[in-house]
Amino acid sequence: MAVTSQHEQYAAMLEEWQEMEDALIGPRAISGGGVTYLPKTSGMIEAESLAATDNSPLTPEQAKQLYLAYKRRAEYPLWVKDSLRTMVGLVSRQEPEIVLPERMKALEHEATCDGFGLKQLYLRIVSDLLTKGRKPLLAEFDDNGNPYIATYTAETAPNWLTSNVGGRQDLTLVVFSEKRLKEGGADEFKPEYETVYRVLDLIDNQYRVRLLNDAGSEIEEAEYPGLVGGSQSTPLNFIPVVFAGSTDNNPDVDEIPLQTMAKAALKYYQLSADYHTSLHYTAHPQPWIAMNGDGDMRVTGPMAAWMLPEGGSCGYLEFQGAGIEALRKAMQDQQNSAAEAGAKVIDIGGQESGEARKARQADQHSALYSVCVTAAEAVEQALKYVAYWMGISPDEVTFKVVPKFNPDDIDYAMLQVVYNIVMADRAPNEVLFESMRKAGLTEMSDKELVSLMTTGGLPLPEGVE
């Protein structure tokens, strides 16, 4: 097996992770994806094919512009980015319970290689779990012997293996891909990078760390980390990696909580290209002229008459746009789907009994509540690895978050997600109204709420305008 080999679950999800990454970046990345996200119409494909022939009235560049204009008219909504901001903001109000032994106290305020503390690390994990369903963590020590937690993205952990160790499925191999600055680059202002692979495995029950290139050759001498204060005779006998997940923290790839919303946004983008193109054609009718013989014609100006020879006729070929309403309805359907998906992720059932909530969360692991819990457990496990590595009892370490969301905060956050999506074009109101009723903010009918909206009395949550 080559160092560049990919786990089958990784290979299956790579395209989905890229789609989610582009959804977070927004219109620039989606538009830059070209036909990946917005296929050409059959007419555009035919025009480009004909433009390549000698007798085509279009040049290849003119044919290319047909698709570029089509793509520029498309609108990609920022539903995923806006919803993620709302959800992480809600989670940021939770205060973790942190207990660390004296030798690990510094980690509370400086836990990552870029100097952020444990709470900021926790929020980063929550964000990645919502958008990728996965966040790899590696317990490490810097050159000065200080512990920290290295973080990787879902895309930079291409391979892993597990095996039965004492009745448990433990990691026996983890491969991370990293970008490394090339030495002796030609341009100091434009650094060049190469991909290297950090390979972590167990050899004779001893933790080994290697850095390899694409060909599988070692770039640096292999390391065999032992317990701090110990020697090579006291090796670390496990791989200190935690794969945080949206469902649980085993190495398997989990589902992506916000994927349904991202899919709806992408479909909205595709439909909007047809919708706005139809509007464009409707607003720009094609003039036509028919003349008998060789008579002359003159046009005195855009707002003046056309002077035609005897027997001539003219008119406009107007695009009737019979399908525009169907396109608009389909776009609204995608808005509804996105709003519903966002509300489901954030809705933790604040009004339910404890037993009812547990039962529902067992079926909906990707809910925000579940993500909060698994993210905290992943941080705690990484800290326990550090503690054991330092010769400290892991029982002395605690990092726990028991989500206690205020029902008002949940109602506000859920409605903010729905409001941002549904009211992007001020329609349809019914989705917002139904969400308000589910949140217990009102029992009014749609008709009564519409009446209040028109008079400026709609009881929206504070901060929503």
Protein backbone atom coordinates (compact mmCIF):
# COMPACT_ATOMS: atom_id res chain seq x y z
CA MET A 1 0.00 0.00 0.00
CA ALA A 2 1.43 3.39 -1.05
CA VAL A 3 1.58 6.35 1.33
CA THR A 4 -0.78 8.19 -1.06
CA SER A 5 -3.47 5.49 -0.70
CA GLN A 6 -6.89 6.68 0.44
CA HIS A 7 -9.32 5.02 2.80
CA GLU A 8 -12.50 4.05 0.95
CA GLN A 9 -14.65 6.23 3.23
CA TYR A 10 -12.36 9.19 2.60
CA ALA A 11 -12.49 8.72 -1.17
CA ALA A 12 -16.29 8.48 -1.06
CA MET A 13 -16.65 11.76 0.89
CA LEU A 14 -13.94 13.90 -0.70
CA GLU A 15 -16.29 15.44 -3.28
CA GLU A 16 -18.89 16.19 -0.58
CA TRP A 17 -16.29 17.92 1.61
CA GLN A 18 -15.15 20.05 -1.32
CA GLU A 19 -18.75 21.02 -2.03
CA MET A 20 -19.21 22.06 1.62
CA GLU A 21 -15.97 24.04 1.55
CA ASP A 22 -17.14 25.90 -1.54
CA ALA A 23 -20.56 26.47 0.07
CA LEU A 24 -18.82 28.22 2.97
CA ILE A 25 -16.68 30.38 0.69
CA GLY A 26 -19.80 31.34 -1.23
CA PRO A 27 -20.48 32.73 -4.73
CA ARG A 28 -16.81 33.13 -5.67
CA ALA A 29 -16.05 29.43 -5.19
CA ILE A 30 -19.37 28.18 -6.58
CA SER A 31 -19.07 30.33 -9.69
CA GLY A 32 -15.41 29.34 -10.02
CA GLY A 33 -16.52 25.70 -10.02
CA GLY A 34 -18.02 26.26 -13.47
CA VAL A 35 -19.85 23.30 -14.92
CA THR A 36 -19.27 21.28 -11.74
CA TYR A 37 -22.01 23.31 -10.08
CA LEU A 38 -23.81 24.82 -13.08
CA PRO A 39 -23.93 22.55 -16.15
CA LYS A 40 -24.17 24.10 -19.60
CA THR A 41 -27.46 23.88 -21.43
CA SER A 42 -27.70 21.69 -24.52
CA GLY A 43 -27.95 24.85 -26.66
CA MET A 44 -24.66 26.19 -25.25
CA ILE A 45 -22.92 22.89 -25.88
CA GLU A 46 -24.22 22.86 -29.46
CA ALA A 47 -23.20 26.50 -30.02
CA GLU A 48 -19.64 25.79 -28.87
CA SER A 49 -19.51 22.74 -31.10
CA LEU A 50 -20.70 24.71 -34.14
CA ALA A 51 -18.34 27.59 -33.34
CA ALA A 52 -15.44 25.23 -33.88
CA THR A 53 -16.46 24.71 -37.53
CA ASP A 54 -15.52 26.94 -40.46
CA ASN A 55 -19.05 27.97 -41.45
CA SER A 56 -20.30 29.04 -38.01
CA PRO A 57 -21.73 32.57 -37.59
CA LEU A 58 -20.30 32.53 -34.03
CA THR A 59 -16.65 32.67 -33.04
CA PRO A 60 -15.48 30.31 -30.28
CA GLU A 61 -15.19 33.30 -27.95
CA GLN A 62 -18.77 34.40 -28.65
CA ALA A 63 -20.03 30.88 -28.01
CA LYS A 64 -18.09 30.81 -24.73
CA GLN A 65 -19.72 34.07 -23.66
CA LEU A 66 -23.16 32.44 -23.78
CA TYR A 67 -22.27 30.27 -20.78
CA LEU A 68 -20.41 33.02 -18.96
CA ALA A 69 -23.47 35.30 -19.19
CA TYR A 70 -25.69 32.45 -18.01
CA LYS A 71 -23.41 31.84 -15.02
CA ARG A 72 -23.16 35.52 -14.10
CA ARG A 73 -26.95 35.77 -13.83
CA ALA A 74 -27.10 32.87 -11.35
CA GLU A 75 -27.43 33.72 -7.66
CA TYR A 76 -25.87 31.60 -4.93
CA PRO A 77 -27.37 32.27 -1.47
CA LEU A 78 -25.20 32.42 1.67
CA TRP A 79 -27.50 30.21 3.71
CA VAL A 80 -24.79 27.85 4.97
CA LYS A 81 -22.38 30.59 6.05
CA ASP A 82 -25.08 32.64 7.77
CA SER A 83 -26.58 29.62 9.52
CA LEU A 84 -23.17 28.40 10.70
CA ARG A 85 -22.45 31.81 12.20
CA THR A 86 -25.73 31.72 14.11
CA MET A 87 -25.16 28.18 15.38
CA VAL A 88 -21.57 28.73 16.51
CA GLY A 89 -22.67 31.96 18.18
CA LEU A 90 -25.27 29.97 20.13
CA VAL A 91 -22.69 27.35 21.17
CA SER A 92 -20.19 30.04 22.21
CA ARG A 93 -22.49 30.92 25.12
CA GLN A 94 -21.82 27.50 26.67
CA GLU A 95 -19.08 27.53 29.30
CA PRO A 96 -17.00 24.32 29.38
CA GLU A 97 -16.02 22.71 32.66
CA ILE A 98 -12.23 22.60 32.53
CA VAL A 99 -10.07 20.83 35.12
CA LEU A 100 -6.36 20.48 34.40
CA PRO A 101 -3.40 19.45 36.58
CA GLU A 102 -0.83 22.14 37.27
CA ARG A 103 1.63 20.95 34.60
CA MET A 104 -1.08 21.26 31.94
CA LYS A 105 -2.64 24.56 33.08
CA ALA A 106 -1.11 26.53 30.20
CA LEU A 107 -3.24 24.55 27.73
CA GLU A 108 -6.41 26.29 28.89
CA HIS A 109 -5.26 29.52 27.23
CA GLU A 110 -2.77 28.18 24.67
CA ALA A 111 -3.81 24.78 23.36
CA THR A 112 -3.19 25.01 19.59
CA CYS A 113 -0.07 25.58 17.52
CA ASP A 114 -1.37 29.06 16.64
CA GLY A 115 -1.86 30.03 20.27
CA PHE A 116 -5.60 29.68 20.90
CA GLY A 117 -7.11 28.28 24.08
CA LEU A 118 -9.30 25.27 24.71
CA LYS A 119 -12.64 27.06 24.29
CA GLN A 120 -11.63 28.48 20.92
CA LEU A 121 -10.41 25.01 19.90
CA TYR A 122 -13.78 23.61 20.97
CA LEU A 123 -15.68 26.15 18.83
CA ARG A 124 -13.47 25.34 15.84
CA ILE A 125 -14.32 21.67 16.23
CA VAL A 126 -18.05 22.41 16.46
CA SER A 127 -17.84 24.50 13.29
CA ASP A 128 -16.04 21.74 11.38
CA LEU A 129 -18.42 19.05 12.62
CA LEU A 130 -21.41 21.05 11.40
CA THR A 131 -19.91 21.57 7.94
CA LYS A 132 -17.72 18.49 7.42
CA GLY A 133 -18.88 16.03 10.09
CA ARG A 134 -15.24 15.33 11.01
CA LYS A 135 -12.25 16.95 12.77
CA PRO A 136 -8.98 15.05 13.40
CA LEU A 137 -6.96 16.03 16.50
CA LEU A 138 -3.37 15.02 17.32
CA ALA A 139 -1.75 15.35 20.75
CA GLU A 140 1.77 16.72 20.28
CA PHE A 141 4.73 18.44 21.95
CA ASP A 142 6.62 21.40 20.52
CA ASP A 143 10.42 21.76 20.35
CA ASN A 144 10.44 23.17 23.88
CA GLY A 145 8.59 20.19 25.29
CA ASN A 146 5.29 22.02 25.73
CA PRO A 147 2.12 20.07 24.88
CA TYR A 148 -0.43 21.24 22.35
CA ILE A 149 -3.24 19.82 20.20
CA ALA A 150 -2.62 19.87 16.45
CA THR A 151 -5.72 20.10 14.28
CA TYR A 152 -6.28 18.78 10.78
CA THR A 153 -9.14 19.10 8.33
CA ALA A 154 -11.25 16.20 7.11
CA GLU A 155 -9.50 16.49 3.74
CA THR A 156 -5.99 16.16 5.20
CA ALA A 157 -6.54 12.75 6.83
CA PRO A 158 -6.66 10.47 3.77
CA ASN A 159 -6.01 7.13 5.42
CA TRP A 160 -6.33 5.22 8.68
CA LEU A 161 -6.51 1.64 9.89
CA THR A 162 -7.89 0.03 13.01
CA SER A 163 -7.44 -3.40 14.50
CA ASN A 164 -8.71 -5.38 17.45
CA VAL A 165 -6.54 -4.59 20.48
CA GLY A 166 -7.67 -6.28 23.68
CA GLY A 167 -11.23 -6.45 22.40
CA ARG A 168 -11.29 -2.80 21.26
CA GLN A 169 -10.95 -1.31 17.80
CA ASP A 170 -7.88 0.93 18.18
CA LEU A 171 -6.02 2.97 15.59
CA THR A 172 -2.93 1.24 14.20
CA LEU A 173 -2.22 3.66 11.33
CA VAL A 174 -3.07 7.31 10.62
CA VAL A 175 -1.79 9.30 7.64
CA PHE A 176 -1.98 13.09 7.49
CA SER A 177 -1.08 15.13 4.42
CA GLU A 178 0.68 18.44 5.11
CA LYS A 179 1.94 21.36 3.04
CA ARG A 180 5.63 22.01 3.61
CA LEU A 181 7.60 25.03 2.43
CA LYS A 182 10.12 24.11 -0.24
CA GLU A 183 13.66 25.03 0.66
CA GLY A 184 15.53 27.41 -1.63
CA GLY A 185 12.47 28.76 -3.43
CA ALA A 186 13.23 31.01 -6.39
CA ASP A 187 10.92 33.82 -5.29
CA GLU A 188 10.85 34.94 -1.65
CA PHE A 189 7.52 36.72 -2.23
CA LYS A 190 5.83 33.68 -3.74
CA PRO A 191 6.63 30.67 -1.57
CA GLU A 192 6.33 27.20 -3.04
CA TYR A 193 4.98 24.24 -1.12
CA GLU A 194 5.17 20.49 -1.47
CA THR A 195 2.92 17.80 -0.02
CA VAL A 196 4.42 15.53 2.60
CA TYR A 197 2.81 12.77 4.64
CA ARG A 198 2.98 12.41 8.40
CA VAL A 199 2.58 8.68 9.05
CA LEU A 200 1.69 7.56 12.56
CA ASP A 201 1.65 3.84 13.28
CA LEU A 202 2.36 1.16 15.85
CA ILE A 203 5.40 -1.07 15.45
CA ASP A 204 5.69 -3.84 18.03
CA ASN A 205 3.17 -1.92 20.16
CA GLN A 206 5.35 1.21 20.00
CA TYR A 207 4.21 4.58 18.61
CA ARG A 208 6.23 5.65 15.55
CA VAL A 209 6.18 8.97 13.66
CA ARG A 210 7.55 9.29 10.13
CA LEU A 211 7.58 12.06 7.53
CA LEU A 212 7.45 10.72 3.96
CA ASN A 213 7.30 12.16 0.45
CA ASP A 214 4.98 11.06 -2.36
CA ALA A 215 7.27 8.18 -3.22
CA GLY A 216 7.15 6.87 0.34
CA SER A 217 10.77 7.79 1.14
CA GLU A 218 11.61 9.14 4.58
CA ILE A 219 12.36 12.87 4.68
CA GLU A 220 13.35 12.84 8.33
CA GLU A 221 14.50 10.13 10.69
CA ALA A 222 11.65 8.23 12.31
CA GLU A 223 10.76 9.11 15.90
CA TYR A 224 9.57 6.77 18.66
CA PRO A 225 8.04 9.04 21.32
CA GLY A 226 8.26 7.71 24.84
CA LEU A 227 6.63 8.87 28.06
CA VAL A 228 7.84 12.26 29.24
CA GLY A 229 10.53 11.64 31.83
CA GLY A 230 10.87 8.06 30.63
CA SER A 231 13.03 6.47 27.96
CA GLN A 232 12.70 4.34 24.85
CA SER A 233 12.02 1.45 27.19
CA THR A 234 8.74 3.17 28.16
CA PRO A 235 7.24 3.86 24.73
CA LEU A 236 3.88 5.37 24.00
CA ASN A 237 1.84 2.33 23.03
CA PHE A 238 -1.05 4.05 21.23
CA ILE A 239 -1.56 6.64 18.49
CA PRO A 240 -2.65 9.91 20.20
CA VAL A 241 -5.21 10.85 17.53
CA VAL A 242 -8.91 11.58 18.03
CA PHE A 243 -11.33 11.74 15.11
CA ALA A 244 -14.09 14.04 16.34
CA GLY A 245 -17.34 13.30 14.54
CA SER A 246 -20.88 14.63 14.32
CA THR A 247 -22.30 11.30 15.52
CA ASP A 248 -19.50 9.83 17.64
CA ASN A 249 -15.72 9.95 17.89
CA ASN A 250 -14.70 6.70 16.24
CA PRO A 251 -12.55 6.90 13.06
CA ASP A 252 -15.46 6.27 10.67
CA VAL A 253 -16.65 9.20 8.58
CA ASP A 254 -19.88 10.73 9.94
CA GLU A 255 -22.70 12.56 8.20
CA ILE A 256 -22.58 16.32 7.58
CA PRO A 257 -25.31 18.15 9.52
CA LEU A 258 -25.52 21.16 7.18
CA GLN A 259 -25.23 19.18 3.96
CA THR A 260 -28.97 19.21 3.24
CA MET A 261 -28.96 23.00 3.44
CA ALA A 262 -25.91 23.22 1.16
CA LYS A 263 -27.57 20.92 -1.39
CA ALA A 264 -30.68 23.12 -1.35
CA ALA A 265 -28.56 26.24 -1.85
CA LEU A 266 -26.80 24.64 -4.81
CA LYS A 267 -30.08 23.61 -6.43
CA TYR A 268 -31.38 27.15 -5.84
CA TYR A 269 -28.27 28.47 -7.64
CA GLN A 270 -28.91 26.24 -10.65
CA LEU A 271 -32.59 27.16 -10.82
CA SER A 272 -31.80 30.85 -10.45
CA ALA A 273 -29.60 30.72 -13.56
CA ASP A 274 -32.60 29.60 -15.63
CA TYR A 275 -34.95 31.98 -13.81
CA HIS A 276 -32.87 35.12 -14.34
CA THR A 277 -32.05 34.13 -17.90
CA SER A 278 -35.78 33.78 -18.58
CA LEU A 279 -36.37 37.23 -17.11
CA HIS A 280 -33.57 38.59 -19.26
CA TYR A 281 -35.10 37.19 -22.42
CA THR A 282 -38.53 38.45 -21.43
CA ALA A 283 -37.18 41.97 -20.98
CA HIS A 284 -35.25 41.93 -24.26
CA PRO A 285 -37.56 40.96 -27.14
CA GLN A 286 -35.95 40.20 -30.49
CA PRO A 287 -36.97 42.61 -33.31
CA TRP A 288 -37.64 41.20 -36.77
CA ILE A 289 -38.12 42.82 -40.17
CA ALA A 290 -39.48 41.39 -43.43
CA MET A 291 -39.10 43.27 -46.75
CA ASN A 292 -40.08 42.55 -50.33
CA GLY A 293 -37.53 43.47 -52.95
CA ASP A 294 -34.52 45.69 -52.48
CA GLY A 295 -36.15 48.70 -50.86
CA ASP A 296 -34.28 50.74 -48.27
CA MET A 297 -35.18 51.06 -44.60
CA ARG A 298 -34.11 53.50 -41.93
CA VAL A 299 -34.35 53.53 -38.14
CA THR A 300 -34.34 57.05 -36.74
CA GLY A 301 -33.71 56.04 -33.12
CA PRO A 302 -34.74 53.62 -30.40
CA MET A 303 -37.80 55.65 -29.48
CA ALA A 304 -38.71 56.60 -33.05
CA ALA A 305 -40.44 54.84 -35.94
CA TRP A 306 -38.88 52.40 -38.33
CA MET A 307 -39.38 53.55 -41.89
CA LEU A 308 -39.91 50.50 -44.11
CA PRO A 309 -40.34 50.25 -47.87
CA GLU A 310 -43.70 49.41 -49.38
CA GLY A 311 -44.79 45.87 -48.50
CA GLY A 312 -42.39 45.65 -45.54
CA SER A 313 -43.40 44.50 -42.07
CA CYS A 314 -41.79 44.26 -38.66
CA GLY A 315 -42.44 43.15 -35.13
CA TYR A 316 -40.94 41.55 -32.01
CA LEU A 317 -40.34 37.96 -31.13
CA GLU A 318 -41.21 38.04 -27.46
CA PHE A 319 -40.29 35.36 -24.96
CA GLN A 320 -43.55 34.57 -23.22
CA GLY A 321 -41.90 33.05 -20.15
CA ALA A 322 -44.61 30.53 -19.38
CA GLY A 323 -42.17 28.52 -17.23
CA ILE A 324 -40.95 31.45 -15.13
CA GLU A 325 -43.55 30.92 -12.44
CA ALA A 326 -42.63 27.23 -12.23
CA LEU A 327 -38.97 28.16 -11.79
CA ARG A 328 -39.82 30.68 -9.08
CA LYS A 329 -41.90 28.05 -7.26
CA ALA A 330 -39.04 25.54 -7.50
CA MET A 331 -36.63 28.11 -6.04
CA GLN A 332 -39.04 28.70 -3.15
CA ASP A 333 -39.20 24.95 -2.57
CA GLN A 334 -35.42 24.94 -2.13
CA GLN A 335 -35.70 27.84 0.31
CA ASN A 336 -38.22 25.84 2.30
CA SER A 337 -35.97 22.77 2.30
CA ALA A 338 -32.98 24.80 3.49
CA ALA A 339 -34.98 26.51 6.22
CA GLU A 340 -36.36 23.20 7.43
CA ALA A 341 -32.89 21.60 7.41
CA GLY A 342 -31.37 24.47 9.40
CA ALA A 343 -34.17 24.42 11.95
CA LYS A 344 -33.80 20.66 12.42
CA VAL A 345 -30.07 20.94 13.11
CA ILE A 346 -30.49 23.71 15.65
CA ASP A 347 -33.71 22.46 17.26
CA ILE A 348 -32.72 20.51 20.37
CA GLY A 349 -36.26 20.19 21.67
CA GLY A 350 -36.08 22.70 24.49
CA GLN A 351 -39.70 22.03 25.47
CA GLU A 352 -39.39 18.24 25.65
CA SER A 353 -39.06 16.08 28.73
CA GLY A 354 -35.67 14.56 29.46
CA GLU A 355 -36.67 11.09 28.29
CA ALA A 356 -38.38 12.37 25.14
CA ARG A 357 -35.34 14.46 24.27
CA LYS A 358 -32.98 11.50 24.70
CA ALA A 359 -35.19 9.33 22.51
CA ARG A 360 -35.32 11.90 19.72
CA GLN A 361 -31.60 12.65 19.90
CA ALA A 362 -30.91 8.95 19.52
CA ASP A 363 -32.52 9.25 16.10
CA GLN A 364 -31.04 12.63 15.20
CA HIS A 365 -27.36 12.43 16.11
CA SER A 366 -26.47 15.33 13.84
CA ALA A 367 -28.45 17.83 15.95
CA LEU A 368 -26.52 20.72 17.43
CA TYR A 369 -26.80 19.15 20.89
CA SER A 370 -25.04 15.99 19.73
CA VAL A 371 -22.29 17.97 17.98
CA CYS A 372 -21.64 19.95 21.18
CA VAL A 373 -21.27 16.75 23.20
CA THR A 374 -19.01 14.87 20.76
CA ALA A 375 -16.78 17.94 20.27
CA ALA A 376 -16.27 18.25 24.04
CA GLU A 377 -15.56 14.54 24.39
CA ALA A 378 -12.95 14.78 21.60
CA VAL A 379 -11.14 17.64 23.34
CA GLU A 380 -11.20 15.76 26.64
CA GLN A 381 -9.82 12.60 25.05
CA ALA A 382 -6.96 14.53 23.42
CA LEU A 383 -6.16 16.13 26.78
CA LYS A 384 -6.16 12.71 28.46
CA TYR A 385 -3.66 11.51 25.86
CA VAL A 386 -1.43 14.47 26.73
CA ALA A 387 -1.77 13.73 30.43
CA TYR A 388 -0.83 10.07 30.05
CA TRP A 389 2.07 11.04 27.79
CA MET A 390 3.34 13.40 30.54
CA GLY A 391 3.03 10.73 33.21
CA ILE A 392 -0.09 12.28 34.74
CA SER A 393 -3.22 10.32 35.56
CA PRO A 394 -5.84 10.97 32.84
CA ASP A 395 -8.45 11.03 35.62
CA GLU A 396 -7.10 14.45 36.63
CA VAL A 397 -8.31 15.94 33.31
CA THR A 398 -11.84 17.16 32.60
CA PHE A 399 -13.24 19.05 29.64
CA LYS A 400 -16.99 18.78 29.61
CA VAL A 401 -19.85 20.67 28.02
CA VAL A 402 -23.38 19.78 29.04
CA PRO A 403 -25.39 21.96 26.65
CA LYS A 404 -27.92 24.02 28.56
CA PHE A 405 -29.47 26.18 25.91
CA ASN A 406 -31.94 28.79 27.05
CA PRO A 407 -35.26 28.12 25.26
CA ASP A 408 -35.40 31.80 24.28
CA ASP A 409 -31.92 31.53 22.75
CA ILE A 410 -32.92 28.43 20.84
CA ASP A 411 -36.10 30.07 19.57
CA TYR A 412 -34.18 33.15 18.50
CA ALA A 413 -31.38 31.21 16.80
CA MET A 414 -33.76 28.85 15.01
CA LEU A 415 -35.92 31.70 13.80
CA GLN A 416 -32.86 33.70 12.73
CA VAL A 417 -31.75 30.80 10.53
CA VAL A 418 -35.23 30.43 9.04
CA TYR A 419 -35.71 34.17 8.67
CA ASN A 420 -32.39 34.68 6.83
CA ILE A 421 -33.34 31.99 4.33
CA VAL A 422 -37.05 32.52 3.87
CA MET A 423 -36.99 36.29 3.83
CA ALA A 424 -34.11 36.53 1.36
CA ASP A 425 -36.69 37.52 -1.24
CA ARG A 426 -39.53 38.16 1.26
CA ALA A 427 -41.32 34.92 0.36
CA PRO A 428 -42.87 32.59 1.26
CA ASN A 429 -43.99 33.87 4.66
CA GLU A 430 -45.71 30.60 5.55
CA VAL A 431 -42.43 28.88 6.45
CA LEU A 432 -41.51 31.62 8.91
CA PHE A 433 -44.99 31.61 10.41
CA GLU A 434 -45.00 27.85 10.91
CA SER A 435 -41.59 28.01 12.63
CA MET A 436 -42.86 30.71 14.96
CA ARG A 437 -45.81 28.54 15.95
CA LYS A 438 -43.56 25.53 16.56
CA ALA A 439 -41.36 27.66 18.79
CA GLY A 440 -44.40 28.65 20.84
CA LEU A 441 -44.03 32.35 20.01
CA THR A 442 -47.53 32.66 18.59
CA GLU A 443 -50.71 30.72 17.90
CA MET A 444 -51.96 33.13 15.24
CA SER A 445 -53.02 31.93 11.81
CA ASP A 446 -51.16 32.85 8.63
CA LYS A 447 -53.88 35.38 7.80
CA GLU A 448 -53.56 37.08 11.19
CA LEU A 449 -49.76 37.19 10.95
CA VAL A 450 -49.89 38.65 7.44
CA SER A 451 -52.19 41.35 8.79
CA LEU A 452 -49.73 42.13 11.57
CA MET A 453 -46.83 42.17 9.12
CA THR A 454 -48.54 44.74 6.90
CA THR A 455 -49.18 46.98 9.92
CA GLY A 456 -45.66 46.57 11.32
CA GLY A 457 -46.72 44.52 14.33
CA LEU A 458 -45.20 41.11 13.52
CA PRO A 459 -43.77 39.73 16.81
CA LEU A 460 -40.30 38.79 15.53
CA PRO A 461 -37.55 37.96 18.03
CA GLU A 462 -35.43 40.84 19.28
CA GLY A 463 -32.72 41.70 16.76
CA VAL A 464 -34.63 40.36 13.75
CA GLU A 465 -35.86 43.12 11.50
